[in-house]
């Protein structure tokens, strides 16, 4: 597993050095920035896992950096600040920060908070890749399907059809909609292939054929409580 990479943005070189060494000792990778403009440029690096952002920095303060990057990055942003008014904390959170940590702070507590945010982020990412319904689990990232904890062998098209139906659970989809979504509107072929793939899917899901319901004269729908 790759080590998380932390951006440390602070205009105090002693703080940057202390934090960088502390996080590196804990197995993290670090990237450093000494002003707001540099932080803005480095914050867009897709390899970053979390950002530690000082509020009072030259060229651009941390609040402005956060405002500018929040819509472009979805990783946790933690403010580091000596400003301890409640209003300052509220403003920091309202511009998009995930946490607000007052200076001076305990290094061990800061590392613990960073780990906690990364755990929550990893759970969110993992959950976003999985679709659950009853005894069925669909992993969008690995193209795997598990039924009663046993892996179901599906062809690529069978998987794509099942995923498309599940992502539109309880919605009736016509064969034309399914065909266009999986094969593409410009593909020339037999639309009856959808029926064949649905039949195969039902066979592979064995006793739980109720997942894919035929709506006569219209098409199919996936029936289930999605999680």
Protein backbone atom coordinates (compact mmCIF):
# COMPACT_ATOMS: atom_id res chain seq x y z
CA UNK A 1 0.00 0.00 0.00
CA UNK A 2 1.35 3.47 -0.89
CA UNK A 3 2.19 5.80 1.99
CA UNK A 4 -0.16 8.78 2.34
CA UNK A 5 1.27 12.08 1.12
CA UNK A 6 0.66 15.19 3.24
CA UNK A 7 1.01 18.77 2.02
CA UNK A 8 2.34 20.97 4.83
CA UNK A 9 1.81 24.66 4.06
CA UNK A 10 3.15 27.17 6.62
CA UNK A 11 5.34 30.25 6.38
CA UNK A 12 7.30 29.28 9.52
CA UNK A 13 10.19 27.06 8.32
CA UNK A 14 10.69 25.63 11.81
CA UNK A 15 7.10 24.39 11.95
CA UNK A 16 7.33 22.94 8.43
CA UNK A 17 10.55 21.13 9.28
CA UNK A 18 9.18 19.81 12.59
CA UNK A 19 5.95 18.57 11.00
CA UNK A 20 7.72 17.07 7.98
CA UNK A 21 10.16 15.13 10.16
CA UNK A 22 7.39 13.98 12.52
CA UNK A 23 5.14 12.73 9.73
CA UNK A 24 8.04 11.09 7.90
CA UNK A 25 8.97 9.25 11.11
CA UNK A 26 5.40 7.88 11.11
CA UNK A 27 5.72 6.59 7.55
CA UNK A 28 4.08 9.48 5.69
CA UNK A 29 5.41 11.25 2.62
CA UNK A 30 5.43 15.04 2.74
CA UNK A 31 5.32 17.99 0.38
CA UNK A 32 6.09 21.47 1.73
CA UNK A 33 4.95 24.99 0.85
CA UNK A 34 6.05 28.26 2.47
CA UNK A 35 3.39 30.66 1.18
CA UNK A 36 -0.17 30.66 -0.08
CA UNK A 37 0.69 30.86 -3.77
CA UNK A 38 2.99 27.86 -3.53
CA UNK A 39 0.40 25.99 -1.47
CA UNK A 40 -2.25 26.66 -4.14
CA UNK A 41 -0.03 25.19 -6.86
CA UNK A 42 0.97 22.11 -4.89
CA UNK A 43 -2.50 21.45 -3.48
CA UNK A 44 -3.70 20.37 -6.93
CA UNK A 45 -1.25 17.44 -7.01
CA UNK A 46 -3.45 14.31 -7.43
CA UNK A 47 -1.04 12.23 -5.33
CA UNK A 48 -1.88 14.15 -2.15
CA UNK A 49 -3.89 12.42 0.59
CA UNK A 50 -4.43 15.37 2.97
CA UNK A 51 -3.55 19.06 3.30
CA UNK A 52 -2.34 20.90 6.42
CA UNK A 53 -2.90 24.58 5.75
CA UNK A 54 -1.78 27.52 7.87
CA UNK A 55 -4.21 30.43 7.72
CA UNK A 56 -1.81 33.37 8.03
CA UNK A 57 0.59 33.09 5.08
CA UNK A 58 2.15 35.65 2.71
CA UNK A 59 1.00 36.15 -0.90
CA UNK A 60 -2.32 34.37 -0.20
CA UNK A 61 -3.84 33.36 3.11
CA UNK A 62 -5.01 29.84 3.86
CA UNK A 63 -8.68 30.77 3.66
CA UNK A 64 -8.30 31.96 0.07
CA UNK A 65 -6.27 28.88 -0.83
CA UNK A 66 -9.00 26.66 0.58
CA UNK A 67 -11.74 28.55 -1.28
CA UNK A 68 -9.89 28.20 -4.57
CA UNK A 69 -9.11 24.49 -4.28
CA UNK A 70 -12.14 23.12 -2.49
CA UNK A 71 -14.11 22.43 -5.66
CA UNK A 72 -11.08 20.91 -7.35
CA UNK A 73 -9.91 18.54 -4.60
CA UNK A 74 -11.91 16.22 -2.37
CA UNK A 75 -9.21 15.23 0.13
CA UNK A 76 -9.34 16.40 3.77
CA UNK A 77 -8.10 19.94 4.47
CA UNK A 78 -7.03 20.79 8.04
CA UNK A 79 -6.38 24.37 9.09
CA UNK A 80 -3.53 25.19 11.49
CA UNK A 81 -4.02 28.56 13.16
CA UNK A 82 -3.20 30.64 16.23
CA UNK A 83 -6.53 32.48 15.80
CA UNK A 84 -8.74 30.99 18.47
CA UNK A 85 -11.93 33.01 18.17
CA UNK A 86 -15.04 30.96 17.54
CA UNK A 87 -15.77 33.13 14.50
CA UNK A 88 -12.41 32.24 12.97
CA UNK A 89 -13.10 28.54 13.41
CA UNK A 90 -16.57 28.90 11.90
CA UNK A 91 -15.20 30.79 8.88
CA UNK A 92 -12.51 28.16 8.40
CA UNK A 93 -15.02 25.35 8.34
CA UNK A 94 -17.45 27.27 6.14
CA UNK A 95 -14.87 27.80 3.39
CA UNK A 96 -14.44 24.03 3.17
CA UNK A 97 -11.95 22.86 5.80
CA UNK A 98 -12.56 19.50 7.49
CA UNK A 99 -10.89 20.45 10.78
CA UNK A 100 -9.45 23.48 12.59
CA UNK A 101 -6.45 22.92 14.85
CA UNK A 102 -5.18 25.63 17.18
CA UNK A 103 -1.52 26.50 17.62
CA UNK A 104 0.34 25.51 19.68
CA UNK A 105 -0.68 21.91 19.24
CA UNK A 106 0.56 18.50 20.27
CA UNK A 107 2.35 16.72 17.43
CA UNK A 108 1.02 13.36 18.55
CA UNK A 109 -2.56 14.71 18.65
CA UNK A 110 -2.14 16.26 15.20
CA UNK A 111 -0.88 12.97 13.76
CA UNK A 112 -3.77 11.15 15.44
CA UNK A 113 -6.26 13.57 13.88
CA UNK A 114 -4.65 13.18 10.46
CA UNK A 115 -4.88 9.38 10.76
CA UNK A 116 -8.54 9.65 11.79
CA UNK A 117 -9.38 11.82 8.75
CA UNK A 118 -7.54 9.44 6.43
CA UNK A 119 -9.41 6.44 7.87
CA UNK A 120 -12.74 8.16 7.27
CA UNK A 121 -11.66 9.10 3.75
CA UNK A 122 -10.59 5.54 2.97
CA UNK A 123 -13.90 4.17 4.25
CA UNK A 124 -15.78 6.64 2.07
CA UNK A 125 -13.75 5.76 -1.02
CA UNK A 126 -14.13 2.04 -0.40
CA UNK A 127 -17.87 2.36 0.20
CA UNK A 128 -18.30 4.38 -2.99
CA UNK A 129 -16.89 1.48 -5.00
CA UNK A 130 -19.33 -1.06 -3.59
CA UNK A 131 -23.04 -1.61 -4.19
CA UNK A 132 -24.88 -3.86 -1.75
CA UNK A 133 -28.36 -5.32 -2.05
CA UNK A 134 -29.32 -8.25 0.12
CA UNK A 135 -26.81 -11.05 -0.47
CA UNK A 136 -25.42 -9.36 -3.58
CA UNK A 137 -22.28 -7.18 -3.65
CA UNK A 138 -21.03 -5.40 -6.77
CA UNK A 139 -17.49 -3.96 -6.76
CA UNK A 140 -17.32 -1.22 -9.37
CA UNK A 141 -13.56 -0.92 -9.06
CA UNK A 142 -12.57 -4.58 -9.56
CA UNK A 143 -15.52 -5.62 -11.79
CA UNK A 144 -16.36 -8.38 -9.32
CA UNK A 145 -19.74 -9.63 -8.12
CA UNK A 146 -20.26 -11.66 -4.95
CA UNK A 147 -23.42 -13.56 -4.15
CA UNK A 148 -23.74 -15.07 -0.68
CA UNK A 149 -20.01 -14.23 -0.32
CA UNK A 150 -19.15 -16.38 -3.35
CA UNK A 151 -17.67 -14.81 -6.46
CA UNK A 152 -19.95 -14.93 -9.50
CA UNK A 153 -18.17 -15.30 -12.84
CA UNK A 154 -19.64 -12.78 -15.26
CA UNK A 155 -18.61 -11.65 -18.71
CA UNK A 156 -17.77 -7.97 -19.13
CA UNK A 157 -21.12 -7.22 -20.75
CA UNK A 158 -23.03 -9.17 -18.09
CA UNK A 159 -21.26 -7.18 -15.39
CA UNK A 160 -21.94 -3.89 -17.14
CA UNK A 161 -25.64 -4.69 -17.52
CA UNK A 162 -25.96 -5.75 -13.88
CA UNK A 163 -24.16 -2.61 -12.69
CA UNK A 164 -26.29 -0.37 -14.91
CA UNK A 165 -29.50 -1.95 -13.60
CA UNK A 166 -28.31 -1.77 -9.98
CA UNK A 167 -27.28 1.88 -10.27
CA UNK A 168 -30.81 2.55 -11.52
CA UNK A 169 -32.47 0.29 -8.95
CA UNK A 170 -36.27 0.13 -8.94
CA UNK A 171 -36.42 2.07 -12.20
CA UNK A 172 -37.82 0.36 -15.30
CA UNK A 173 -35.35 0.42 -18.18
CA UNK A 174 -36.23 -0.53 -21.72
CA UNK A 175 -34.09 -2.90 -23.75
CA UNK A 176 -33.19 0.09 -25.94
CA UNK A 177 -31.95 2.05 -22.93
CA UNK A 178 -29.86 -0.86 -21.71
CA UNK A 179 -28.46 -1.53 -25.18
CA UNK A 180 -27.52 2.12 -25.73
CA UNK A 181 -25.94 2.40 -22.29
CA UNK A 182 -23.77 -0.72 -22.68
CA UNK A 183 -23.09 -1.01 -26.40
CA UNK A 184 -23.52 2.63 -27.36
CA UNK A 185 -26.06 4.41 -29.53
CA UNK A 186 -23.81 4.19 -32.60
CA UNK A 187 -23.33 0.42 -32.31
CA UNK A 188 -25.24 -1.62 -34.88
CA UNK A 189 -26.37 -4.98 -33.54
CA UNK A 190 -29.26 -7.12 -32.40
CA UNK A 191 -31.11 -5.59 -29.46
CA UNK A 192 -32.24 -9.09 -28.52
CA UNK A 193 -28.73 -9.65 -27.15
CA UNK A 194 -29.94 -7.75 -24.06
CA UNK A 195 -32.54 -10.46 -23.44
CA UNK A 196 -29.89 -13.18 -23.75
CA UNK A 197 -27.55 -11.46 -21.30
CA UNK A 198 -30.37 -10.91 -18.80
CA UNK A 199 -31.23 -14.62 -19.03
CA UNK A 200 -27.61 -15.53 -18.35
CA UNK A 201 -27.44 -13.13 -15.42
CA UNK A 202 -30.51 -14.65 -13.83
CA UNK A 203 -29.07 -18.12 -14.28
CA UNK A 204 -25.80 -17.16 -12.60
CA UNK A 205 -27.57 -15.50 -9.67
CA UNK A 206 -29.36 -18.83 -9.13
CA UNK A 207 -32.19 -18.72 -6.58
CA UNK A 208 -32.17 -14.92 -6.31
CA UNK A 209 -33.62 -14.36 -9.78
CA UNK A 210 -35.95 -11.81 -8.23
CA UNK A 211 -33.18 -9.19 -8.44
CA UNK A 212 -33.94 -8.60 -12.11
CA UNK A 213 -37.62 -8.31 -12.81
CA UNK A 214 -39.22 -8.33 -16.23
CA UNK A 215 -41.79 -5.59 -16.77
CA UNK A 216 -43.75 -6.99 -19.69
CA UNK A 217 -43.95 -4.75 -22.71
CA UNK A 218 -41.45 -2.27 -21.28
CA UNK A 219 -38.17 -3.80 -20.14
CA UNK A 220 -36.41 -4.73 -16.90
CA UNK A 221 -35.71 -3.33 -13.49
CA UNK A 222 -33.40 -4.22 -10.64
CA UNK A 223 -35.40 -4.75 -7.46
CA UNK A 224 -33.58 -4.18 -4.19
CA UNK A 225 -32.68 -1.86 -1.34
CA UNK A 226 -29.38 -0.38 -2.40
CA UNK A 227 -26.72 0.40 0.21
